[in-house]
Amino acid sequence: MTNAGITVSWGMKPQDWFAIAEIVERAGVPAMVAFARATIRTTREPVRFATFFLRTGWKGLPPAARAVPSQPAAGPAPHCGHPDCDPVTRTRETEDDRGIRSLTRCPACNPNAQRGHAA
């Protein structure tokens, strides 16, 4: 609320805090701030206490829309089956021109491997 330019006292009774916690869970902070902004524009007296918003409308805010994922969460890619790729670590042992061996991420199945990005 302070970031939105609304400075009020938050001194209130424990039951009011419980009510606010329930409203935050159900409706969300953005809806509460939007309601407070609209209320401040239309009220004649300055609002000094957050309980004013609680009593005048926060309790009646509708539930926030929940984002529904368009696709199920993707799990790790299956093991690529390459003979040099370890199925647990998804790394390959490679050897450079000087004969130095090192482990590198498998470009086919390691979830942290650098892959090309679409433009």
C-alpha atoms as a PDB file:
ATOM      1  CA  MET A   1       0.000   0.000   0.000  1.00  0.00           C
ATOM      2  CA  THR A   2       2.829   2.372   0.843  1.00  0.00           C
ATOM      3  CA  ASN A   3       4.356   1.753  -2.605  1.00  0.00           C
ATOM      4  CA  ALA A   4       1.004   2.799  -4.082  1.00  0.00           C
ATOM      5  CA  GLY A   5       1.144   6.083  -2.170  1.00  0.00           C
ATOM      6  CA  ILE A   6      -1.371   5.034   0.488  1.00  0.00           C
ATOM      7  CA  THR A   7      -0.063   5.547   4.001  1.00  0.00           C
ATOM      8  CA  VAL A   8      -2.370   4.387   6.782  1.00  0.00           C
ATOM      9  CA  SER A   9      -2.025   3.044  10.295  1.00  0.00           C
ATOM     10  CA  TRP A  10      -1.996  -0.722  10.564  1.00  0.00           C
ATOM     11  CA  GLY A  11      -2.681  -0.781  14.304  1.00  0.00           C
ATOM     12  CA  MET A  12      -5.624  -3.115  14.733  1.00  0.00           C
ATOM     13  CA  LYS A  13      -7.064  -5.982  16.760  1.00  0.00           C
ATOM     14  CA  PRO A  14      -5.873  -9.562  16.229  1.00  0.00           C
ATOM     15  CA  GLN A  15      -9.163 -10.628  14.627  1.00  0.00           C
ATOM     16  CA  ASP A  16      -8.711  -7.868  12.028  1.00  0.00           C
ATOM     17  CA  TRP A  17      -5.232  -9.218  11.223  1.00  0.00           C
ATOM     18  CA  PHE A  18      -6.715 -12.680  10.724  1.00  0.00           C
ATOM     19  CA  ALA A  19      -9.356 -11.206   8.408  1.00  0.00           C
ATOM     20  CA  ILE A  20      -6.698  -9.380   6.379  1.00  0.00           C
ATOM     21  CA  ALA A  21      -4.582 -12.540   6.086  1.00  0.00           C
ATOM     22  CA  GLU A  22      -7.619 -14.411   4.729  1.00  0.00           C
ATOM     23  CA  ILE A  23      -8.353 -11.614   2.239  1.00  0.00           C
ATOM     24  CA  VAL A  24      -4.745 -11.581   1.033  1.00  0.00           C
ATOM     25  CA  GLU A  25      -4.967 -15.341   0.402  1.00  0.00           C
ATOM     26  CA  ARG A  26      -8.357 -15.164  -1.290  1.00  0.00           C
ATOM     27  CA  ALA A  27      -8.310 -11.906  -3.258  1.00  0.00           C
ATOM     28  CA  GLY A  28      -4.632 -10.926  -3.354  1.00  0.00           C
ATOM     29  CA  VAL A  29      -2.767  -7.737  -2.547  1.00  0.00           C
ATOM     30  CA  PRO A  30      -3.214  -6.142  -6.017  1.00  0.00           C
ATOM     31  CA  ALA A  31      -7.017  -6.252  -5.623  1.00  0.00           C
ATOM     32  CA  MET A  32      -6.783  -4.791  -2.129  1.00  0.00           C
ATOM     33  CA  VAL A  33      -4.592  -1.924  -3.331  1.00  0.00           C
ATOM     34  CA  ALA A  34      -6.884  -1.250  -6.305  1.00  0.00           C
ATOM     35  CA  PHE A  35      -9.876  -1.090  -3.955  1.00  0.00           C
ATOM     36  CA  ALA A  36      -8.009   1.252  -1.582  1.00  0.00           C
ATOM     37  CA  ARG A  37      -7.016   3.580  -4.446  1.00  0.00           C
ATOM     38  CA  ALA A  38     -10.587   3.758  -5.739  1.00  0.00           C
ATOM     39  CA  THR A  39     -11.930   4.356  -2.231  1.00  0.00           C
ATOM     40  CA  ILE A  40      -9.472   7.175  -1.526  1.00  0.00           C
ATOM     41  CA  ARG A  41     -10.515   8.941  -4.743  1.00  0.00           C
ATOM     42  CA  THR A  42     -14.178   8.939  -3.714  1.00  0.00           C
ATOM     43  CA  THR A  43     -14.032   9.515   0.052  1.00  0.00           C
ATOM     44  CA  ARG A  44     -14.474  13.005   1.454  1.00  0.00           C
ATOM     45  CA  GLU A  45     -12.327  12.580   4.544  1.00  0.00           C
ATOM     46  CA  PRO A  46      -8.708  11.399   4.606  1.00  0.00           C
ATOM     47  CA  VAL A  47      -8.317   7.704   5.370  1.00  0.00           C
ATOM     48  CA  ARG A  48      -6.008   7.148   8.334  1.00  0.00           C
ATOM     49  CA  PHE A  49      -6.520   3.506   9.264  1.00  0.00           C
ATOM     50  CA  ALA A  50      -6.345   0.287   7.218  1.00  0.00           C
ATOM     51  CA  THR A  51      -9.403  -0.935   9.101  1.00  0.00           C
ATOM     52  CA  PHE A  52     -11.406   1.609   7.077  1.00  0.00           C
ATOM     53  CA  PHE A  53     -10.776  -0.462   3.928  1.00  0.00           C
ATOM     54  CA  LEU A  54     -11.442  -3.678   5.825  1.00  0.00           C
ATOM     55  CA  ARG A  55     -14.867  -2.422   6.944  1.00  0.00           C
ATOM     56  CA  THR A  56     -15.849  -0.769   3.645  1.00  0.00           C
ATOM     57  CA  GLY A  57     -15.084  -3.456   1.122  1.00  0.00           C
ATOM     58  CA  TRP A  58     -12.003  -5.655   1.398  1.00  0.00           C
ATOM     59  CA  LYS A  59     -14.116  -8.401   2.954  1.00  0.00           C
ATOM     60  CA  GLY A  60     -16.319  -8.438  -0.155  1.00  0.00           C
ATOM     61  CA  LEU A  61     -13.548  -8.665  -2.749  1.00  0.00           C
ATOM     62  CA  PRO A  62     -13.973 -11.616  -5.099  1.00  0.00           C
ATOM     63  CA  PRO A  63     -11.397 -14.412  -5.234  1.00  0.00           C
ATOM     64  CA  ALA A  64      -8.403 -13.734  -7.455  1.00  0.00           C
ATOM     65  CA  ALA A  65      -8.288 -15.606 -10.729  1.00  0.00           C
ATOM     66  CA  ARG A  66      -5.853 -18.476 -10.519  1.00  0.00           C
ATOM     67  CA  ALA A  67      -3.497 -18.901 -13.446  1.00  0.00           C
ATOM     68  CA  VAL A  68      -4.024 -22.272 -15.069  1.00  0.00           C
ATOM     69  CA  PRO A  69      -0.903 -23.672 -16.711  1.00  0.00           C
ATOM     70  CA  SER A  70      -1.427 -24.164 -20.430  1.00  0.00           C
ATOM     71  CA  GLN A  71       0.813 -27.221 -20.442  1.00  0.00           C
ATOM     72  CA  PRO A  72       1.713 -29.726 -17.762  1.00  0.00           C
ATOM     73  CA  ALA A  73       5.022 -29.113 -16.046  1.00  0.00           C
ATOM     74  CA  ALA A  74       7.809 -30.593 -18.100  1.00  0.00           C
ATOM     75  CA  GLY A  75      10.006 -33.142 -16.405  1.00  0.00           C
ATOM     76  CA  PRO A  76      13.616 -33.789 -17.252  1.00  0.00           C
ATOM     77  CA  ALA A  77      14.342 -34.888 -20.789  1.00  0.00           C
ATOM     78  CA  PRO A  78      14.810 -38.614 -21.189  1.00  0.00           C
ATOM     79  CA  HIS A  79      18.356 -39.920 -21.400  1.00  0.00           C
ATOM     80  CA  CYS A  80      19.666 -39.539 -24.934  1.00  0.00           C
ATOM     81  CA  GLY A  81      21.165 -43.036 -25.041  1.00  0.00           C
ATOM     82  CA  HIS A  82      24.542 -41.842 -26.355  1.00  0.00           C
ATOM     83  CA  PRO A  83      27.203 -44.381 -25.312  1.00  0.00           C
ATOM     84  CA  ASP A  84      29.446 -41.666 -23.824  1.00  0.00           C
ATOM     85  CA  CYS A  85      26.625 -39.993 -21.858  1.00  0.00           C
ATOM     86  CA  ASP A  86      26.244 -40.948 -18.204  1.00  0.00           C
ATOM     87  CA  PRO A  87      22.500 -41.526 -17.547  1.00  0.00           C
ATOM     88  CA  VAL A  88      22.712 -40.149 -13.987  1.00  0.00           C
ATOM     89  CA  THR A  89      24.861 -37.006 -14.370  1.00  0.00           C
ATOM     90  CA  ARG A  90      23.997 -36.440 -18.044  1.00  0.00           C
ATOM     91  CA  THR A  91      27.644 -35.596 -18.748  1.00  0.00           C
ATOM     92  CA  ARG A  92      30.062 -36.878 -21.362  1.00  0.00           C
ATOM     93  CA  GLU A  93      33.789 -37.412 -21.019  1.00  0.00           C
ATOM     94  CA  THR A  94      35.487 -35.629 -23.894  1.00  0.00           C
ATOM     95  CA  GLU A  95      39.092 -35.315 -24.997  1.00  0.00           C
ATOM     96  CA  ASP A  96      40.511 -32.208 -26.632  1.00  0.00           C
ATOM     97  CA  ASP A  97      43.264 -31.977 -29.293  1.00  0.00           C
ATOM     98  CA  ARG A  98      45.973 -32.069 -26.613  1.00  0.00           C
ATOM     99  CA  GLY A  99      44.607 -35.276 -25.070  1.00  0.00           C
ATOM    100  CA  ILE A 100      43.169 -33.571 -21.994  1.00  0.00           C
ATOM    101  CA  ARG A 101      39.988 -35.243 -20.769  1.00  0.00           C
ATOM    102  CA  SER A 102      37.136 -33.372 -19.139  1.00  0.00           C
ATOM    103  CA  LEU A 103      33.464 -33.800 -18.329  1.00  0.00           C
ATOM    104  CA  THR A 104      31.021 -31.666 -20.270  1.00  0.00           C
ATOM    105  CA  ARG A 105      27.275 -31.433 -20.113  1.00  0.00           C
ATOM    106  CA  CYS A 106      25.543 -33.630 -22.630  1.00  0.00           C
ATOM    107  CA  PRO A 107      24.147 -31.257 -25.265  1.00  0.00           C
ATOM    108  CA  ALA A 108      21.297 -33.666 -26.002  1.00  0.00           C
ATOM    109  CA  CYS A 109      19.842 -34.433 -22.558  1.00  0.00           C
ATOM    110  CA  ASN A 110      21.480 -32.378 -19.761  1.00  0.00           C
ATOM    111  CA  PRO A 111      18.841 -29.883 -18.503  1.00  0.00           C
ATOM    112  CA  ASN A 112      21.515 -27.207 -17.960  1.00  0.00           C
ATOM    113  CA  ALA A 113      23.214 -27.535 -21.347  1.00  0.00           C
ATOM    114  CA  GLN A 114      23.337 -24.422 -23.478  1.00  0.00           C
ATOM    115  CA  ARG A 115      20.882 -24.784 -26.305  1.00  0.00           C
ATOM    116  CA  GLY A 116      20.031 -22.482 -29.142  1.00  0.00           C
ATOM    117  CA  HIS A 117      17.139 -20.074 -28.566  1.00  0.00           C
ATOM    118  CA  ALA A 118      14.464 -19.142 -31.061  1.00  0.00           C
ATOM    119  CA  ALA A 119      14.617 -15.578 -32.295  1.00  0.00           C
END
